[in-house]
Amino acid sequence: MSIYLIVDNYSRYILNWVLHPRVCGKTMTNLLRESISIYKPKNALLLVDGGPENNNKQVDDLLENHPGILSKIVAQRDISFSNSMVEAVNKIIKNNYLRMMDITSVDSLNQALEFAIHD
């Protein structure tokens, strides 16, 4: 299972998330589209890693069709630093929550994520 998170790099607040069976550009595109609809960003930077879920035609087309909303920058490629601030959120969720929970199914993983993210 893949956990997709949209995290505010400044506050570390998880703006949006979804659980999906695999790494998928369409899933990230849908999550971004929903996040744009909810938060209505203007001239914001979307800092991503080099993963295929972030770097694909669907995501690029979404951003291109919404000029002035989000500009994508890829850590270690477009900028010299990493996305470690966002990755720290992933680490906290996995180490402080998920690994401590009895997760036996996709439903229990989804419930555990919901608890961890809202906590």
PDB file of N, CA and C in Angstrom:
ATOM      1  N   MET A   1       0.843  -1.188   0.000  1.00  0.00           N
ATOM      2  CA  MET A   1       0.000   0.000   0.000  1.00  0.00           C
ATOM      3  C   MET A   1       0.882   1.244   0.000  1.00  0.00           C
ATOM      4  N   SER A   2       0.427   2.256  -0.693  1.00  0.00           N
ATOM      5  CA  SER A   2       1.135   3.534  -0.751  1.00  0.00           C
ATOM      6  C   SER A   2       0.308   4.595  -0.039  1.00  0.00           C
ATOM      7  N   ILE A   3       0.981   5.373   0.779  1.00  0.00           N
ATOM      8  CA  ILE A   3       0.347   6.484   1.484  1.00  0.00           C
ATOM      9  C   ILE A   3       0.772   7.767   0.780  1.00  0.00           C
ATOM     10  N   TYR A   4      -0.185   8.521   0.310  1.00  0.00           N
ATOM     11  CA  TYR A   4       0.064   9.797  -0.353  1.00  0.00           C
ATOM     12  C   TYR A   4      -0.302  10.911   0.616  1.00  0.00           C
ATOM     13  N   LEU A   5       0.619  11.836   0.814  1.00  0.00           N
ATOM     14  CA  LEU A   5       0.387  12.958   1.711  1.00  0.00           C
ATOM     15  C   LEU A   5       0.660  14.267   0.991  1.00  0.00           C
ATOM     16  N   ILE A   6      -0.187  15.246   1.207  1.00  0.00           N
ATOM     17  CA  ILE A   6       0.078  16.624   0.812  1.00  0.00           C
ATOM     18  C   ILE A   6       0.311  17.361   2.130  1.00  0.00           C
ATOM     19  N   VAL A   7       1.544  17.817   2.333  1.00  0.00           N
ATOM     20  CA  VAL A   7       1.949  18.403   3.613  1.00  0.00           C
ATOM     21  C   VAL A   7       2.399  19.839   3.392  1.00  0.00           C
ATOM     22  N   ASP A   8       1.940  20.739   4.249  1.00  0.00           N
ATOM     23  CA  ASP A   8       2.433  22.106   4.237  1.00  0.00           C
ATOM     24  C   ASP A   8       3.856  22.084   4.798  1.00  0.00           C
ATOM     25  N   ASN A   9       4.817  22.518   4.010  1.00  0.00           N
ATOM     26  CA  ASN A   9       6.220  22.433   4.395  1.00  0.00           C
ATOM     27  C   ASN A   9       6.559  23.330   5.584  1.00  0.00           C
ATOM     28  N   TYR A  10       5.792  24.379   5.791  1.00  0.00           N
ATOM     29  CA  TYR A  10       6.071  25.303   6.889  1.00  0.00           C
ATOM     30  C   TYR A  10       5.526  24.771   8.213  1.00  0.00           C
ATOM     31  N   SER A  11       4.246  24.443   8.240  1.00  0.00           N
ATOM     32  CA  SER A  11       3.599  24.034   9.495  1.00  0.00           C
ATOM     33  C   SER A  11       3.646  22.530   9.741  1.00  0.00           C
ATOM     34  N   ARG A  12       3.942  21.750   8.710  1.00  0.00           N
ATOM     35  CA  ARG A  12       3.919  20.283   8.726  1.00  0.00           C
ATOM     36  C   ARG A  12       2.496  19.735   8.844  1.00  0.00           C
ATOM     37  N   TYR A  13       1.525  20.590   8.632  1.00  0.00           N
ATOM     38  CA  TYR A  13       0.125  20.175   8.669  1.00  0.00           C
ATOM     39  C   TYR A  13      -0.175  19.319   7.438  1.00  0.00           C
ATOM     40  N   ILE A  14      -0.812  18.193   7.647  1.00  0.00           N
ATOM     41  CA  ILE A  14      -1.204  17.328   6.535  1.00  0.00           C
ATOM     42  C   ILE A  14      -2.502  17.881   5.950  1.00  0.00           C
ATOM     43  N   LEU A  15      -2.398  18.426   4.760  1.00  0.00           N
ATOM     44  CA  LEU A  15      -3.536  19.068   4.113  1.00  0.00           C
ATOM     45  C   LEU A  15      -4.499  18.055   3.506  1.00  0.00           C
ATOM     46  N   ASN A  16      -3.939  16.962   2.984  1.00  0.00           N
ATOM     47  CA  ASN A  16      -4.774  15.969   2.316  1.00  0.00           C
ATOM     48  C   ASN A  16      -3.989  14.665   2.237  1.00  0.00           C
ATOM     49  N   TRP A  17      -4.697  13.562   2.146  1.00  0.00           N
ATOM     50  CA  TRP A  17      -4.024  12.268   2.075  1.00  0.00           C
ATOM     51  C   TRP A  17      -4.954  11.227   1.488  1.00  0.00           C
ATOM     52  N   VAL A  18      -4.340  10.154   1.020  1.00  0.00           N
ATOM     53  CA  VAL A  18      -5.107   9.025   0.523  1.00  0.00           C
ATOM     54  C   VAL A  18      -4.224   7.784   0.598  1.00  0.00           C
ATOM     55  N   LEU A  19      -4.850   6.656   0.741  1.00  0.00           N
ATOM     56  CA  LEU A  19      -4.196   5.361   0.738  1.00  0.00           C
ATOM     57  C   LEU A  19      -4.548   4.679  -0.580  1.00  0.00           C
ATOM     58  N   HIS A  20      -3.547   4.142  -1.269  1.00  0.00           N
ATOM     59  CA  HIS A  20      -3.788   3.507  -2.569  1.00  0.00           C
ATOM     60  C   HIS A  20      -2.947   2.242  -2.657  1.00  0.00           C
ATOM     61  N   PRO A  21      -3.435   1.214  -3.360  1.00  0.00           N
ATOM     62  CA  PRO A  21      -2.708  -0.056  -3.425  1.00  0.00           C
ATOM     63  C   PRO A  21      -1.315   0.018  -4.060  1.00  0.00           C
ATOM     64  N   ARG A  22      -1.062   1.043  -4.886  1.00  0.00           N
ATOM     65  CA  ARG A  22       0.250   1.096  -5.548  1.00  0.00           C
ATOM     66  C   ARG A  22       0.641   2.541  -5.836  1.00  0.00           C
ATOM     67  N   VAL A  23       1.893   2.714  -6.239  1.00  0.00           N
ATOM     68  CA  VAL A  23       2.383   4.024  -6.664  1.00  0.00           C
ATOM     69  C   VAL A  23       1.726   4.348  -7.994  1.00  0.00           C
ATOM     70  N   CYS A  24       1.101   5.525  -8.071  1.00  0.00           N
ATOM     71  CA  CYS A  24       0.280   5.821  -9.237  1.00  0.00           C
ATOM     72  C   CYS A  24       0.173   7.329  -9.463  1.00  0.00           C
ATOM     73  N   GLY A  25       0.545   7.770 -10.649  1.00  0.00           N
ATOM     74  CA  GLY A  25       0.449   9.181 -10.981  1.00  0.00           C
ATOM     75  C   GLY A  25      -0.973   9.699 -10.975  1.00  0.00           C
ATOM     76  N   LYS A  26      -1.918   8.871 -11.381  1.00  0.00           N
ATOM     77  CA  LYS A  26      -3.323   9.290 -11.399  1.00  0.00           C
ATOM     78  C   LYS A  26      -3.832   9.570  -9.983  1.00  0.00           C
ATOM     79  N   THR A  27      -3.406   8.760  -9.043  1.00  0.00           N
ATOM     80  CA  THR A  27      -3.808   8.963  -7.646  1.00  0.00           C
ATOM     81  C   THR A  27      -3.278  10.292  -7.125  1.00  0.00           C
ATOM     82  N   MET A  28      -2.005  10.585  -7.397  1.00  0.00           N
ATOM     83  CA  MET A  28      -1.432  11.857  -6.955  1.00  0.00           C
ATOM     84  C   MET A  28      -2.118  13.024  -7.647  1.00  0.00           C
ATOM     85  N   THR A  29      -2.419  12.862  -8.920  1.00  0.00           N
ATOM     86  CA  THR A  29      -3.108  13.926  -9.661  1.00  0.00           C
ATOM     87  C   THR A  29      -4.467  14.208  -9.030  1.00  0.00           C
ATOM     88  N   ASN A  30      -5.219  13.171  -8.720  1.00  0.00           N
ATOM     89  CA  ASN A  30      -6.532  13.356  -8.095  1.00  0.00           C
ATOM     90  C   ASN A  30      -6.405  14.007  -6.721  1.00  0.00           C
ATOM     91  N   LEU A  31      -5.401  13.609  -5.950  1.00  0.00           N
ATOM     92  CA  LEU A  31      -5.185  14.197  -4.627  1.00  0.00           C
ATOM     93  C   LEU A  31      -4.814  15.674  -4.750  1.00  0.00           C
ATOM     94  N   LEU A  32      -3.959  15.987  -5.701  1.00  0.00           N
ATOM     95  CA  LEU A  32      -3.603  17.392  -5.932  1.00  0.00           C
ATOM     96  C   LEU A  32      -4.805  18.205  -6.393  1.00  0.00           C
ATOM     97  N   ARG A  33      -5.585  17.637  -7.313  1.00  0.00           N
ATOM     98  CA  ARG A  33      -6.774  18.340  -7.817  1.00  0.00           C
ATOM     99  C   ARG A  33      -7.734  18.658  -6.657  1.00  0.00           C
ATOM    100  N   GLU A  34      -7.953  17.669  -5.804  1.00  0.00           N
ATOM    101  CA  GLU A  34      -8.829  17.874  -4.642  1.00  0.00           C
ATOM    102  C   GLU A  34      -8.242  18.923  -3.699  1.00  0.00           C
ATOM    103  N   SER A  35      -6.943  18.884  -3.483  1.00  0.00           N
ATOM    104  CA  SER A  35      -6.284  19.846  -2.597  1.00  0.00           C
ATOM    105  C   SER A  35      -6.359  21.258  -3.156  1.00  0.00           C
ATOM    106  N   ILE A  36      -6.177  21.398  -4.460  1.00  0.00           N
ATOM    107  CA  ILE A  36      -6.309  22.707  -5.104  1.00  0.00           C
ATOM    108  C   ILE A  36      -7.718  23.241  -4.918  1.00  0.00           C
ATOM    109  N   SER A  37      -8.703  22.375  -5.071  1.00  0.00           N
ATOM    110  CA  SER A  37     -10.103  22.770  -4.921  1.00  0.00           C
ATOM    111  C   SER A  37     -10.406  23.231  -3.489  1.00  0.00           C
ATOM    112  N   ILE A  38      -9.840  22.543  -2.517  1.00  0.00           N
ATOM    113  CA  ILE A  38     -10.104  22.871  -1.113  1.00  0.00           C
ATOM    114  C   ILE A  38      -9.367  24.134  -0.675  1.00  0.00           C
ATOM    115  N   TYR A  39      -8.065  24.207  -0.971  1.00  0.00           N
ATOM    116  CA  TYR A  39      -7.213  25.260  -0.401  1.00  0.00           C
ATOM    117  C   TYR A  39      -6.985  26.450  -1.317  1.00  0.00           C
ATOM    118  N   LYS A  40      -7.251  26.301  -2.597  1.00  0.00           N
ATOM    119  CA  LYS A  40      -7.132  27.380  -3.570  1.00  0.00           C
ATOM    120  C   LYS A  40      -5.809  28.149  -3.449  1.00  0.00           C
ATOM    121  N   PRO A  41      -4.692  27.443  -3.601  1.00  0.00           N
ATOM    122  CA  PRO A  41      -3.401  28.120  -3.472  1.00  0.00           C
ATOM    123  C   PRO A  41      -3.137  29.067  -4.642  1.00  0.00           C
ATOM    124  N   LYS A  42      -2.274  30.035  -4.401  1.00  0.00           N
ATOM    125  CA  LYS A  42      -1.847  30.957  -5.455  1.00  0.00           C
ATOM    126  C   LYS A  42      -0.340  31.091  -5.386  1.00  0.00           C
ATOM    127  N   ASN A  43       0.301  30.837  -6.507  1.00  0.00           N
ATOM    128  CA  ASN A  43       1.759  30.959  -6.615  1.00  0.00           C
ATOM    129  C   ASN A  43       2.499  30.163  -5.541  1.00  0.00           C
ATOM    130  N   ALA A  44       1.996  29.005  -5.222  1.00  0.00           N
ATOM    131  CA  ALA A  44       2.633  28.142  -4.221  1.00  0.00           C
ATOM    132  C   ALA A  44       3.621  27.200  -4.901  1.00  0.00           C
ATOM    133  N   LEU A  45       4.583  26.749  -4.120  1.00  0.00           N
ATOM    134  CA  LEU A  45       5.542  25.768  -4.615  1.00  0.00           C
ATOM    135  C   LEU A  45       5.131  24.382  -4.161  1.00  0.00           C
ATOM    136  N   LEU A  46       5.182  23.452  -5.077  1.00  0.00           N
ATOM    137  CA  LEU A  46       4.923  22.053  -4.778  1.00  0.00           C
ATOM    138  C   LEU A  46       6.272  21.350  -4.797  1.00  0.00           C
ATOM    139  N   LEU A  47       6.793  21.035  -3.612  1.00  0.00           N
ATOM    140  CA  LEU A  47       8.087  20.374  -3.481  1.00  0.00           C
ATOM    141  C   LEU A  47       7.856  18.872  -3.456  1.00  0.00           C
ATOM    142  N   VAL A  48       8.444  18.174  -4.420  1.00  0.00           N
ATOM    143  CA  VAL A  48       8.259  16.727  -4.535  1.00  0.00           C
ATOM    144  C   VAL A  48       9.616  16.046  -4.587  1.00  0.00           C
ATOM    145  N   ASP A  49       9.597  14.745  -4.349  1.00  0.00           N
ATOM    146  CA  ASP A  49      10.813  13.963  -4.570  1.00  0.00           C
ATOM    147  C   ASP A  49      10.786  13.440  -6.001  1.00  0.00           C
ATOM    148  N   GLY A  50      11.722  12.596  -6.351  1.00  0.00           N
ATOM    149  CA  GLY A  50      11.844  12.130  -7.724  1.00  0.00           C
ATOM    150  C   GLY A  50      10.965  10.961  -8.085  1.00  0.00           C
ATOM    151  N   GLY A  51      10.030  10.595  -7.217  1.00  0.00           N
ATOM    152  CA  GLY A  51       9.183   9.434  -7.455  1.00  0.00           C
ATOM    153  C   GLY A  51       8.269   9.569  -8.660  1.00  0.00           C
ATOM    154  N   PRO A  52       7.924   8.432  -9.269  1.00  0.00           N
ATOM    155  CA  PRO A  52       7.080   8.461 -10.463  1.00  0.00           C
ATOM    156  C   PRO A  52       5.651   8.940 -10.191  1.00  0.00           C
ATOM    157  N   GLU A  53       5.191   8.841  -8.946  1.00  0.00           N
ATOM    158  CA  GLU A  53       3.855   9.338  -8.634  1.00  0.00           C
ATOM    159  C   GLU A  53       3.783  10.858  -8.742  1.00  0.00           C
ATOM    160  N   ASN A  54       4.927  11.534  -8.590  1.00  0.00           N
ATOM    161  CA  ASN A  54       4.984  12.993  -8.643  1.00  0.00           C
ATOM    162  C   ASN A  54       5.428  13.524 -10.002  1.00  0.00           C
ATOM    163  N   ASN A  55       6.164  12.728 -10.718  1.00  0.00           N
ATOM    164  CA  ASN A  55       6.790  13.174 -11.963  1.00  0.00           C
ATOM    165  C   ASN A  55       6.259  12.341 -13.129  1.00  0.00           C
ATOM    166  N   ASN A  56       5.154  12.820 -13.668  1.00  0.00           N
ATOM    167  CA  ASN A  56       4.476  12.105 -14.747  1.00  0.00           C
ATOM    168  C   ASN A  56       3.610  13.074 -15.531  1.00  0.00           C
ATOM    169  N   LYS A  57       3.100  12.618 -16.622  1.00  0.00           N
ATOM    170  CA  LYS A  57       2.313  13.478 -17.507  1.00  0.00           C
ATOM    171  C   LYS A  57       1.028  13.986 -16.846  1.00  0.00           C
ATOM    172  N   GLN A  58       0.358  13.147 -16.059  1.00  0.00           N
ATOM    173  CA  GLN A  58      -0.904  13.577 -15.437  1.00  0.00           C
ATOM    174  C   GLN A  58      -0.685  14.748 -14.479  1.00  0.00           C
ATOM    175  N   VAL A  59       0.308  14.641 -13.614  1.00  0.00           N
ATOM    176  CA  VAL A  59       0.596  15.721 -12.662  1.00  0.00           C
ATOM    177  C   VAL A  59       1.036  16.966 -13.425  1.00  0.00           C
ATOM    178  N   ASP A  60       1.945  16.797 -14.390  1.00  0.00           N
ATOM    179  CA  ASP A  60       2.430  17.945 -15.156  1.00  0.00           C
ATOM    180  C   ASP A  60       1.294  18.632 -15.916  1.00  0.00           C
ATOM    181  N   ASP A  61       0.390  17.855 -16.502  1.00  0.00           N
ATOM    182  CA  ASP A  61      -0.752  18.445 -17.215  1.00  0.00           C
ATOM    183  C   ASP A  61      -1.669  19.203 -16.253  1.00  0.00           C
ATOM    184  N   LEU A  62      -1.918  18.654 -15.075  1.00  0.00           N
ATOM    185  CA  LEU A  62      -2.758  19.344 -14.092  1.00  0.00           C
ATOM    186  C   LEU A  62      -2.158  20.697 -13.734  1.00  0.00           C
ATOM    187  N   LEU A  63      -0.868  20.721 -13.448  1.00  0.00           N
ATOM    188  CA  LEU A  63      -0.214  21.975 -13.061  1.00  0.00           C
ATOM    189  C   LEU A  63      -0.163  22.956 -14.227  1.00  0.00           C
ATOM    190  N   GLU A  64       0.062  22.447 -15.428  1.00  0.00           N
ATOM    191  CA  GLU A  64       0.096  23.302 -16.613  1.00  0.00           C
ATOM    192  C   GLU A  64      -1.273  23.918 -16.894  1.00  0.00           C
ATOM    193  N   ASN A  65      -2.340  23.170 -16.624  1.00  0.00           N
ATOM    194  CA  ASN A  65      -3.700  23.659 -16.864  1.00  0.00           C
ATOM    195  C   ASN A  65      -4.214  24.568 -15.758  1.00  0.00           C
ATOM    196  N   HIS A  66      -3.430  24.738 -14.703  1.00  0.00           N
ATOM    197  CA  HIS A  66      -3.782  25.644 -13.606  1.00  0.00           C
ATOM    198  C   HIS A  66      -2.621  26.603 -13.339  1.00  0.00           C
ATOM    199  N   PRO A  67      -2.312  27.460 -14.310  1.00  0.00           N
ATOM    200  CA  PRO A  67      -1.173  28.361 -14.128  1.00  0.00           C
ATOM    201  C   PRO A  67      -1.388  29.321 -12.955  1.00  0.00           C
ATOM    202  N   GLY A  68      -0.300  29.644 -12.272  1.00  0.00           N
ATOM    203  CA  GLY A  68      -0.384  30.577 -11.150  1.00  0.00           C
ATOM    204  C   GLY A  68      -0.859  29.936  -9.863  1.00  0.00           C
ATOM    205  N   ILE A  69      -1.114  28.632  -9.883  1.00  0.00           N
ATOM    206  CA  ILE A  69      -1.587  27.924  -8.697  1.00  0.00           C
ATOM    207  C   ILE A  69      -0.408  27.265  -7.989  1.00  0.00           C
ATOM    208  N   LEU A  70       0.203  26.309  -8.654  1.00  0.00           N
ATOM    209  CA  LEU A  70       1.326  25.569  -8.097  1.00  0.00           C
ATOM    210  C   LEU A  70       2.438  25.471  -9.131  1.00  0.00           C
ATOM    211  N   SER A  71       3.659  25.630  -8.662  1.00  0.00           N
ATOM    212  CA  SER A  71       4.832  25.373  -9.487  1.00  0.00           C
ATOM    213  C   SER A  71       5.597  24.235  -8.836  1.00  0.00           C
ATOM    214  N   LYS A  72       5.844  23.197  -9.601  1.00  0.00           N
ATOM    215  CA  LYS A  72       6.512  22.017  -9.053  1.00  0.00           C
ATOM    216  C   LYS A  72       8.018  22.186  -9.088  1.00  0.00           C
ATOM    217  N   ILE A  73       8.664  21.842  -7.961  1.00  0.00           N
ATOM    218  CA  ILE A  73      10.117  21.765  -7.910  1.00  0.00           C
ATOM    219  C   ILE A  73      10.469  20.395  -7.346  1.00  0.00           C
ATOM    220  N   VAL A  74      11.488  19.798  -7.940  1.00  0.00           N
ATOM    221  CA  VAL A  74      11.899  18.456  -7.543  1.00  0.00           C
ATOM    222  C   VAL A  74      13.155  18.558  -6.680  1.00  0.00           C
ATOM    223  N   ALA A  75      13.063  18.008  -5.473  1.00  0.00           N
ATOM    224  CA  ALA A  75      14.187  18.029  -4.543  1.00  0.00           C
ATOM    225  C   ALA A  75      15.384  17.312  -5.159  1.00  0.00           C
ATOM    226  N   GLN A  76      16.560  17.865  -4.928  1.00  0.00           N
ATOM    227  CA  GLN A  76      17.832  17.333  -5.412  1.00  0.00           C
ATOM    228  C   GLN A  76      18.012  17.462  -6.925  1.00  0.00           C
ATOM    229  N   ARG A  77      17.014  17.979  -7.622  1.00  0.00           N
ATOM    230  CA  ARG A  77      17.165  18.210  -9.060  1.00  0.00           C
ATOM    231  C   ARG A  77      17.014  19.697  -9.367  1.00  0.00           C
ATOM    232  N   ASP A  78      15.867  20.270  -8.982  1.00  0.00           N
ATOM    233  CA  ASP A  78      15.622  21.692  -9.237  1.00  0.00           C
ATOM    234  C   ASP A  78      16.184  22.575  -8.136  1.00  0.00           C
ATOM    235  N   ILE A  79      16.364  22.003  -6.976  1.00  0.00           N
ATOM    236  CA  ILE A  79      16.921  22.714  -5.823  1.00  0.00           C
ATOM    237  C   ILE A  79      17.995  21.829  -5.197  1.00  0.00           C
ATOM    238  N   SER A  80      18.878  22.433  -4.441  1.00  0.00           N
ATOM    239  CA  SER A  80      20.003  21.663  -3.901  1.00  0.00           C
ATOM    240  C   SER A  80      19.666  20.910  -2.623  1.00  0.00           C
ATOM    241  N   PHE A  81      18.535  21.205  -2.004  1.00  0.00           N
ATOM    242  CA  PHE A  81      18.188  20.529  -0.760  1.00  0.00           C
ATOM    243  C   PHE A  81      17.098  19.488  -0.985  1.00  0.00           C
ATOM    244  N   SER A  82      16.860  18.690   0.028  1.00  0.00           N
ATOM    245  CA  SER A  82      15.900  17.596  -0.084  1.00  0.00           C
ATOM    246  C   SER A  82      14.532  18.019   0.432  1.00  0.00           C
ATOM    247  N   ASN A  83      13.611  17.111   0.363  1.00  0.00           N
ATOM    248  CA  ASN A  83      12.279  17.336   0.932  1.00  0.00           C
ATOM    249  C   ASN A  83      12.207  16.679   2.319  1.00  0.00           C
ATOM    250  N   SER A  84      13.286  16.761   3.068  1.00  0.00           N
ATOM    251  CA  SER A  84      13.389  16.076   4.354  1.00  0.00           C
ATOM    252  C   SER A  84      12.341  16.528   5.365  1.00  0.00           C
ATOM    253  N   MET A  85      11.890  17.758   5.267  1.00  0.00           N
ATOM    254  CA  MET A  85      10.860  18.240   6.194  1.00  0.00           C
ATOM    255  C   MET A  85       9.574  17.439   6.027  1.00  0.00           C
ATOM    256  N   VAL A  86       9.214  17.182   4.792  1.00  0.00           N
ATOM    257  CA  VAL A  86       8.001  16.409   4.514  1.00  0.00           C
ATOM    258  C   VAL A  86       8.232  14.939   4.846  1.00  0.00           C
ATOM    259  N   GLU A  87       9.418  14.435   4.509  1.00  0.00           N
ATOM    260  CA  GLU A  87       9.726  13.031   4.816  1.00  0.00           C
ATOM    261  C   GLU A  87       9.713  12.781   6.322  1.00  0.00           C
ATOM    262  N   ALA A  88      10.022  13.790   7.111  1.00  0.00           N
ATOM    263  CA  ALA A  88       9.967  13.643   8.567  1.00  0.00           C
ATOM    264  C   ALA A  88       8.548  13.344   9.031  1.00  0.00           C
ATOM    265  N   VAL A  89       7.559  13.926   8.371  1.00  0.00           N
ATOM    266  CA  VAL A  89       6.155  13.653   8.702  1.00  0.00           C
ATOM    267  C   VAL A  89       5.854  12.179   8.428  1.00  0.00           C
ATOM    268  N   ASN A  90       6.334  11.673   7.290  1.00  0.00           N
ATOM    269  CA  ASN A  90       6.139  10.253   6.971  1.00  0.00           C
ATOM    270  C   ASN A  90       6.756   9.374   8.053  1.00  0.00           C
ATOM    271  N   LYS A  91       7.945   9.719   8.470  1.00  0.00           N
ATOM    272  CA  LYS A  91       8.653   8.933   9.484  1.00  0.00           C
ATOM    273  C   LYS A  91       7.894   8.926  10.809  1.00  0.00           C
ATOM    274  N   ILE A  92       7.379  10.060  11.211  1.00  0.00           N
ATOM    275  CA  ILE A  92       6.608  10.149  12.459  1.00  0.00           C
ATOM    276  C   ILE A  92       5.374   9.259  12.386  1.00  0.00           C
ATOM    277  N   ILE A  93       4.644   9.347  11.282  1.00  0.00           N
ATOM    278  CA  ILE A  93       3.429   8.537  11.138  1.00  0.00           C
ATOM    279  C   ILE A  93       3.771   7.052  11.189  1.00  0.00           C
ATOM    280  N   LYS A  94       4.810   6.649  10.469  1.00  0.00           N
ATOM    281  CA  LYS A  94       5.164   5.228  10.426  1.00  0.00           C
ATOM    282  C   LYS A  94       5.740   4.733  11.753  1.00  0.00           C
ATOM    283  N   ASN A  95       6.711   5.469  12.307  1.00  0.00           N
ATOM    284  CA  ASN A  95       7.396   4.994  13.514  1.00  0.00           C
ATOM    285  C   ASN A  95       6.609   5.203  14.799  1.00  0.00           C
ATOM    286  N   ASN A  96       5.939   6.331  14.916  1.00  0.00           N
ATOM    287  CA  ASN A  96       5.244   6.650  16.178  1.00  0.00           C
ATOM    288  C   ASN A  96       3.805   6.144  16.229  1.00  0.00           C
ATOM    289  N   TYR A  97       3.269   5.769  15.090  1.00  0.00           N
ATOM    290  CA  TYR A  97       1.880   5.326  15.061  1.00  0.00           C
ATOM    291  C   TYR A  97       1.732   3.935  14.445  1.00  0.00           C
ATOM    292  N   LEU A  98       1.959   3.841  13.145  1.00  0.00           N
ATOM    293  CA  LEU A  98       1.599   2.620  12.423  1.00  0.00           C
ATOM    294  C   LEU A  98       2.327   1.383  12.932  1.00  0.00           C
ATOM    295  N   ARG A  99       3.606   1.505  13.229  1.00  0.00           N
ATOM    296  CA  ARG A  99       4.355   0.331  13.697  1.00  0.00           C
ATOM    297  C   ARG A  99       3.941  -0.109  15.094  1.00  0.00           C
ATOM    298  N   MET A 100       3.256   0.758  15.807  1.00  0.00           N
ATOM    299  CA  MET A 100       2.807   0.441  17.165  1.00  0.00           C
ATOM    300  C   MET A 100       1.391  -0.142  17.189  1.00  0.00           C
ATOM    301  N   MET A 101       0.730  -0.146  16.054  1.00  0.00           N
ATOM    302  CA  MET A 101      -0.666  -0.553  15.976  1.00  0.00           C
ATOM    303  C   MET A 101      -0.801  -1.946  15.381  1.00  0.00           C
ATOM    304  N   ASP A 102      -1.869  -2.602  15.745  1.00  0.00           N
ATOM    305  CA  ASP A 102      -2.184  -3.920  15.201  1.00  0.00           C
ATOM    306  C   ASP A 102      -2.978  -3.721  13.917  1.00  0.00           C
ATOM    307  N   ILE A 103      -2.278  -3.729  12.804  1.00  0.00           N
ATOM    308  CA  ILE A 103      -2.907  -3.488  11.511  1.00  0.00           C
ATOM    309  C   ILE A 103      -2.991  -4.824  10.784  1.00  0.00           C
ATOM    310  N   THR A 104      -4.218  -5.262  10.562  1.00  0.00           N
ATOM    311  CA  THR A 104      -4.430  -6.593   9.981  1.00  0.00           C
ATOM    312  C   THR A 104      -5.129  -6.563   8.632  1.00  0.00           C
ATOM    313  N   SER A 105      -5.553  -5.376   8.194  1.00  0.00           N
ATOM    314  CA  SER A 105      -6.276  -5.279   6.923  1.00  0.00           C
ATOM    315  C   SER A 105      -6.125  -3.868   6.372  1.00  0.00           C
ATOM    316  N   VAL A 106      -6.567  -3.688   5.159  1.00  0.00           N
ATOM    317  CA  VAL A 106      -6.556  -2.356   4.557  1.00  0.00           C
ATOM    318  C   VAL A 106      -7.465  -1.421   5.350  1.00  0.00           C
ATOM    319  N   ASP A 107      -8.609  -1.937   5.797  1.00  0.00           N
ATOM    320  CA  ASP A 107      -9.518  -1.108   6.594  1.00  0.00           C
ATOM    321  C   ASP A 107      -8.869  -0.659   7.900  1.00  0.00           C
ATOM    322  N   SER A 108      -8.162  -1.574   8.578  1.00  0.00           N
ATOM    323  CA  SER A 108      -7.519  -1.182   9.838  1.00  0.00           C
ATOM    324  C   SER A 108      -6.357  -0.221   9.576  1.00  0.00           C
ATOM    325  N   LEU A 109      -5.673  -0.363   8.433  1.00  0.00           N
ATOM    326  CA  LEU A 109      -4.620   0.597   8.074  1.00  0.00           C
ATOM    327  C   LEU A 109      -5.226   1.966   7.826  1.00  0.00           C
ATOM    328  N   ASN A 110      -6.327   2.008   7.115  1.00  0.00           N
ATOM    329  CA  ASN A 110      -7.006   3.275   6.845  1.00  0.00           C
ATOM    330  C   ASN A 110      -7.445   3.945   8.150  1.00  0.00           C
ATOM    331  N   GLN A 111      -7.995   3.177   9.074  1.00  0.00           N
ATOM    332  CA  GLN A 111      -8.410   3.723  10.379  1.00  0.00           C
ATOM    333  C   GLN A 111      -7.205   4.210  11.173  1.00  0.00           C
ATOM    334  N   ALA A 112      -6.119   3.452  11.147  1.00  0.00           N
ATOM    335  CA  ALA A 112      -4.907   3.859  11.857  1.00  0.00           C
ATOM    336  C   ALA A 112      -4.346   5.153  11.281  1.00  0.00           C
ATOM    337  N   LEU A 113      -4.344   5.259   9.963  1.00  0.00           N
ATOM    338  CA  LEU A 113      -3.876   6.485   9.318  1.00  0.00           C
ATOM    339  C   LEU A 113      -4.755   7.673   9.683  1.00  0.00           C
ATOM    340  N   GLU A 114      -6.035   7.457   9.662  1.00  0.00           N
ATOM    341  CA  GLU A 114      -6.953   8.533  10.005  1.00  0.00           C
ATOM    342  C   GLU A 114      -6.688   9.026  11.423  1.00  0.00           C
ATOM    343  N   PHE A 115      -6.494   8.103  12.356  1.00  0.00           N
ATOM    344  CA  PHE A 115      -6.185   8.489  13.729  1.00  0.00           C
ATOM    345  C   PHE A 115      -4.851   9.249  13.796  1.00  0.00           C
ATOM    346  N   ALA A 116      -3.810   8.682  13.183  1.00  0.00           N
ATOM    347  CA  ALA A 116      -2.480   9.287  13.245  1.00  0.00           C
ATOM    348  C   ALA A 116      -2.467  10.682  12.628  1.00  0.00           C
ATOM    349  N   ILE A 117      -3.097  10.827  11.504  1.00  0.00           N
ATOM    350  CA  ILE A 117      -3.094  12.118  10.813  1.00  0.00           C
ATOM    351  C   ILE A 117      -3.863  13.171  11.592  1.00  0.00           C
ATOM    352  N   HIS A 118      -4.982  12.786  12.161  1.00  0.00           N
ATOM    353  CA  HIS A 118      -5.770  13.763  12.922  1.00  0.00           C
ATOM    354  C   HIS A 118      -5.190  14.040  14.302  1.00  0.00           C
ATOM    355  N   ASP A 119      -4.397  13.100  14.797  1.00  0.00           N
ATOM    356  CA  ASP A 119      -3.728  13.319  16.085  1.00  0.00           C
ATOM    357  C   ASP A 119      -2.598  14.320  15.907  1.00  0.00           C
TER     358      ASP A 119
END
